[in-house]
Amino acid sequence: MNSREFISLKIKQITEEGIKKFPEDFLFPCDLSSFTLPSETLVIGNEFFGTYEVITTRGESFCHTDTITKAKYLVYAGRNKGRDINIPVDDKNIDLVVREYEKYLDQKLKQIERDYRKLFPESKDVNSAVNEVFRILNLKRL
């Protein structure tokens, strides 16, 4: 097996297991508000005096948030392009949801890395393999 075959195998395994949806699979009972996402990929832009800009990949401003965690929430949810999402009203709940999602992503990253190192113990290419799996699956870890 080579690195390319490993990447294909991992993508297939993760897809068959099912990828949890953000934010739906990480929300818990709390006050929510609805938010409509654009049909483009979102990224975190610059920080301006304590507010964080969320922009599209074309550089257009989507919104400004008062916390980095809320900006991350929108970017992670941006995987669901052009949909309405629910976002907790309370910033503490946003923090909890984002933390749980990042924990989930970290577990995926570590598992891919462990599996890669078992098959290719001498290789220094582990990061590019992990990044490629995440890129193809359209997953981001900020």
C-alpha atoms as a PDB file:
ATOM      1  CA  MET A   1       0.000   0.000   0.000  1.00  0.00           C
ATOM      2  CA  ASN A   2       1.253   3.478  -0.800  1.00  0.00           C
ATOM      3  CA  SER A   3       0.256   6.857   0.604  1.00  0.00           C
ATOM      4  CA  ARG A   4      -2.319   7.550  -2.103  1.00  0.00           C
ATOM      5  CA  GLU A   5      -4.041   4.212  -1.471  1.00  0.00           C
ATOM      6  CA  PHE A   6      -4.009   4.907   2.274  1.00  0.00           C
ATOM      7  CA  ILE A   7      -5.729   8.262   1.717  1.00  0.00           C
ATOM      8  CA  SER A   8      -8.420   6.636  -0.447  1.00  0.00           C
ATOM      9  CA  LEU A   9      -8.952   3.890   2.131  1.00  0.00           C
ATOM     10  CA  LYS A  10      -9.256   6.380   5.006  1.00  0.00           C
ATOM     11  CA  ILE A  11     -11.730   8.526   3.094  1.00  0.00           C
ATOM     12  CA  LYS A  12     -13.822   5.453   2.367  1.00  0.00           C
ATOM     13  CA  GLN A  13     -13.691   4.281   6.015  1.00  0.00           C
ATOM     14  CA  ILE A  14     -14.601   7.687   7.451  1.00  0.00           C
ATOM     15  CA  THR A  15     -17.393   8.164   4.929  1.00  0.00           C
ATOM     16  CA  GLU A  16     -18.846   4.732   5.683  1.00  0.00           C
ATOM     17  CA  GLU A  17     -18.678   5.389   9.441  1.00  0.00           C
ATOM     18  CA  GLY A  18     -20.463   8.670   8.816  1.00  0.00           C
ATOM     19  CA  ILE A  19     -19.166  12.145   9.424  1.00  0.00           C
ATOM     20  CA  LYS A  20     -20.953  14.022  12.164  1.00  0.00           C
ATOM     21  CA  LYS A  21     -22.716  17.151  10.981  1.00  0.00           C
ATOM     22  CA  PHE A  22     -21.853  20.494  12.458  1.00  0.00           C
ATOM     23  CA  PRO A  23     -23.647  22.044  14.222  1.00  0.00           C
ATOM     24  CA  GLU A  24     -26.635  19.641  14.340  1.00  0.00           C
ATOM     25  CA  ASP A  25     -24.836  16.712  15.963  1.00  0.00           C
ATOM     26  CA  PHE A  26     -23.170  18.902  18.578  1.00  0.00           C
ATOM     27  CA  LEU A  27     -26.035  21.113  19.730  1.00  0.00           C
ATOM     28  CA  PHE A  28     -27.778  20.505  23.040  1.00  0.00           C
ATOM     29  CA  PRO A  29     -30.993  22.006  24.427  1.00  0.00           C
ATOM     30  CA  CYS A  30     -30.432  25.753  24.744  1.00  0.00           C
ATOM     31  CA  ASP A  31     -31.794  28.986  23.293  1.00  0.00           C
ATOM     32  CA  LEU A  32     -30.994  29.141  19.578  1.00  0.00           C
ATOM     33  CA  SER A  33     -31.254  31.681  16.808  1.00  0.00           C
ATOM     34  CA  SER A  34     -31.395  30.987  13.087  1.00  0.00           C
ATOM     35  CA  PHE A  35     -28.676  32.127  10.724  1.00  0.00           C
ATOM     36  CA  THR A  36     -28.553  31.803   6.921  1.00  0.00           C
ATOM     37  CA  LEU A  37     -25.198  30.833   5.447  1.00  0.00           C
ATOM     38  CA  PRO A  38     -23.985  32.001   2.049  1.00  0.00           C
ATOM     39  CA  SER A  39     -23.487  29.512  -0.750  1.00  0.00           C
ATOM     40  CA  GLU A  40     -19.719  30.025  -0.584  1.00  0.00           C
ATOM     41  CA  THR A  41     -16.948  28.739   1.653  1.00  0.00           C
ATOM     42  CA  LEU A  42     -16.294  30.901   4.711  1.00  0.00           C
ATOM     43  CA  VAL A  43     -12.966  31.767   6.320  1.00  0.00           C
ATOM     44  CA  ILE A  44     -11.963  33.921   9.266  1.00  0.00           C
ATOM     45  CA  GLY A  45     -10.695  37.288   8.134  1.00  0.00           C
ATOM     46  CA  ASN A  46      -8.947  39.955  10.147  1.00  0.00           C
ATOM     47  CA  GLU A  47      -9.578  40.970  13.720  1.00  0.00           C
ATOM     48  CA  PHE A  48     -10.535  44.629  14.107  1.00  0.00           C
ATOM     49  CA  PHE A  49     -10.493  45.995  17.655  1.00  0.00           C
ATOM     50  CA  GLY A  50     -11.999  42.880  19.204  1.00  0.00           C
ATOM     51  CA  THR A  51     -14.373  41.915  16.384  1.00  0.00           C
ATOM     52  CA  TYR A  52     -13.658  39.132  13.926  1.00  0.00           C
ATOM     53  CA  GLU A  53     -14.597  39.308  10.285  1.00  0.00           C
ATOM     54  CA  VAL A  54     -15.963  36.228   8.553  1.00  0.00           C
ATOM     55  CA  ILE A  55     -15.434  36.436   4.808  1.00  0.00           C
ATOM     56  CA  THR A  56     -16.049  34.310   1.734  1.00  0.00           C
ATOM     57  CA  THR A  57     -13.114  32.813  -0.138  1.00  0.00           C
ATOM     58  CA  ARG A  58     -13.637  35.562  -2.736  1.00  0.00           C
ATOM     59  CA  GLY A  59     -12.842  38.116  -0.011  1.00  0.00           C
ATOM     60  CA  GLU A  60     -16.366  39.442   0.452  1.00  0.00           C
ATOM     61  CA  SER A  61     -17.364  40.266   4.004  1.00  0.00           C
ATOM     62  CA  PHE A  62     -20.117  37.988   5.322  1.00  0.00           C
ATOM     63  CA  CYS A  63     -20.410  39.207   8.908  1.00  0.00           C
ATOM     64  CA  HIS A  64     -18.553  40.405  11.998  1.00  0.00           C
ATOM     65  CA  THR A  65     -18.576  38.571  15.322  1.00  0.00           C
ATOM     66  CA  ASP A  66     -17.532  39.611  18.790  1.00  0.00           C
ATOM     67  CA  THR A  67     -15.656  36.369  19.579  1.00  0.00           C
ATOM     68  CA  ILE A  68     -13.245  34.123  17.705  1.00  0.00           C
ATOM     69  CA  THR A  69     -15.343  31.135  18.779  1.00  0.00           C
ATOM     70  CA  LYS A  70     -18.442  32.489  17.065  1.00  0.00           C
ATOM     71  CA  ALA A  71     -16.360  33.091  13.928  1.00  0.00           C
ATOM     72  CA  LYS A  72     -15.132  29.484  14.100  1.00  0.00           C
ATOM     73  CA  TYR A  73     -18.717  28.293  14.570  1.00  0.00           C
ATOM     74  CA  LEU A  74     -19.776  30.016  11.352  1.00  0.00           C
ATOM     75  CA  VAL A  75     -16.777  28.713   9.399  1.00  0.00           C
ATOM     76  CA  TYR A  76     -17.335  25.150  10.627  1.00  0.00           C
ATOM     77  CA  ALA A  77     -21.056  25.409   9.854  1.00  0.00           C
ATOM     78  CA  GLY A  78     -20.151  26.868   6.462  1.00  0.00           C
ATOM     79  CA  ARG A  79     -19.606  23.330   5.277  1.00  0.00           C
ATOM     80  CA  ASN A  80     -23.430  23.396   4.898  1.00  0.00           C
ATOM     81  CA  LYS A  81     -23.330  26.096   2.233  1.00  0.00           C
ATOM     82  CA  GLY A  82     -26.476  28.089   1.578  1.00  0.00           C
ATOM     83  CA  ARG A  83     -28.503  26.649   4.450  1.00  0.00           C
ATOM     84  CA  ASP A  84     -30.141  27.940   7.564  1.00  0.00           C
ATOM     85  CA  ILE A  85     -28.330  26.848  10.703  1.00  0.00           C
ATOM     86  CA  ASN A  86     -29.049  27.196  14.399  1.00  0.00           C
ATOM     87  CA  ILE A  87     -26.577  28.999  16.602  1.00  0.00           C
ATOM     88  CA  PRO A  88     -26.773  29.243  20.402  1.00  0.00           C
ATOM     89  CA  VAL A  89     -27.723  32.674  21.687  1.00  0.00           C
ATOM     90  CA  ASP A  90     -25.347  32.467  24.655  1.00  0.00           C
ATOM     91  CA  ASP A  91     -21.621  32.716  23.833  1.00  0.00           C
ATOM     92  CA  LYS A  92     -20.804  30.124  26.528  1.00  0.00           C
ATOM     93  CA  ASN A  93     -22.937  27.576  24.686  1.00  0.00           C
ATOM     94  CA  ILE A  94     -21.236  28.453  21.399  1.00  0.00           C
ATOM     95  CA  ASP A  95     -17.903  27.773  23.115  1.00  0.00           C
ATOM     96  CA  LEU A  96     -19.126  24.368  24.318  1.00  0.00           C
ATOM     97  CA  VAL A  97     -20.412  23.338  20.891  1.00  0.00           C
ATOM     98  CA  VAL A  98     -17.218  24.434  19.129  1.00  0.00           C
ATOM     99  CA  ARG A  99     -15.031  22.739  21.747  1.00  0.00           C
ATOM    100  CA  GLU A 100     -16.905  19.439  21.316  1.00  0.00           C
ATOM    101  CA  TYR A 101     -16.626  19.639  17.531  1.00  0.00           C
ATOM    102  CA  GLU A 102     -12.908  20.391  17.693  1.00  0.00           C
ATOM    103  CA  LYS A 103     -12.468  17.447  20.055  1.00  0.00           C
ATOM    104  CA  TYR A 104     -14.235  15.255  17.479  1.00  0.00           C
ATOM    105  CA  LEU A 105     -11.966  16.563  14.688  1.00  0.00           C
ATOM    106  CA  ASP A 106      -8.861  16.044  16.830  1.00  0.00           C
ATOM    107  CA  GLN A 107      -9.864  12.422  17.431  1.00  0.00           C
ATOM    108  CA  LYS A 108     -10.220  11.912  13.671  1.00  0.00           C
ATOM    109  CA  LEU A 109      -6.851  13.549  13.043  1.00  0.00           C
ATOM    110  CA  LYS A 110      -5.087  11.427  15.651  1.00  0.00           C
ATOM    111  CA  GLN A 111      -6.664   8.210  14.366  1.00  0.00           C
ATOM    112  CA  ILE A 112      -5.593   8.936  10.791  1.00  0.00           C
ATOM    113  CA  GLU A 113      -2.099   9.800  12.006  1.00  0.00           C
ATOM    114  CA  ARG A 114      -1.838   6.617  14.124  1.00  0.00           C
ATOM    115  CA  ASP A 115      -2.990   4.438  11.234  1.00  0.00           C
ATOM    116  CA  TYR A 116      -0.574   6.120   8.845  1.00  0.00           C
ATOM    117  CA  ARG A 117       2.378   5.702  11.211  1.00  0.00           C
ATOM    118  CA  LYS A 118       1.564   1.985  11.650  1.00  0.00           C
ATOM    119  CA  LEU A 119       1.715   1.430   7.904  1.00  0.00           C
ATOM    120  CA  PHE A 120       4.566   3.818   7.150  1.00  0.00           C
ATOM    121  CA  PRO A 121       6.699   4.100  10.316  1.00  0.00           C
ATOM    122  CA  GLU A 122       9.673   5.631   8.488  1.00  0.00           C
ATOM    123  CA  SER A 123       7.675   8.188   6.504  1.00  0.00           C
ATOM    124  CA  LYS A 124       7.772  11.882   7.313  1.00  0.00           C
ATOM    125  CA  ASP A 125       4.753  12.489   5.058  1.00  0.00           C
ATOM    126  CA  VAL A 126       2.099  11.976   7.740  1.00  0.00           C
ATOM    127  CA  ASN A 127       0.910  15.605   7.871  1.00  0.00           C
ATOM    128  CA  SER A 128       0.317  15.839   4.147  1.00  0.00           C
ATOM    129  CA  ALA A 129      -1.652  12.571   4.201  1.00  0.00           C
ATOM    130  CA  VAL A 130      -3.829  13.760   7.099  1.00  0.00           C
ATOM    131  CA  ASN A 131      -4.341  17.154   5.456  1.00  0.00           C
ATOM    132  CA  GLU A 132      -5.323  15.523   2.174  1.00  0.00           C
ATOM    133  CA  VAL A 133      -7.933  13.320   3.872  1.00  0.00           C
ATOM    134  CA  PHE A 134      -9.438  16.368   5.595  1.00  0.00           C
ATOM    135  CA  ARG A 135      -9.322  18.432   2.390  1.00  0.00           C
ATOM    136  CA  ILE A 136     -11.142  15.784   0.354  1.00  0.00           C
ATOM    137  CA  LEU A 137     -13.744  15.316   3.102  1.00  0.00           C
ATOM    138  CA  ASN A 138     -14.150  19.111   3.310  1.00  0.00           C
ATOM    139  CA  LEU A 139     -13.251  19.180   7.004  1.00  0.00           C
ATOM    140  CA  LYS A 140     -11.336  22.015   8.665  1.00  0.00           C
ATOM    141  CA  ARG A 141      -9.683  22.319  12.029  1.00  0.00           C
ATOM    142  CA  LEU A 142      -9.087  25.956  12.981  1.00  0.00           C
END
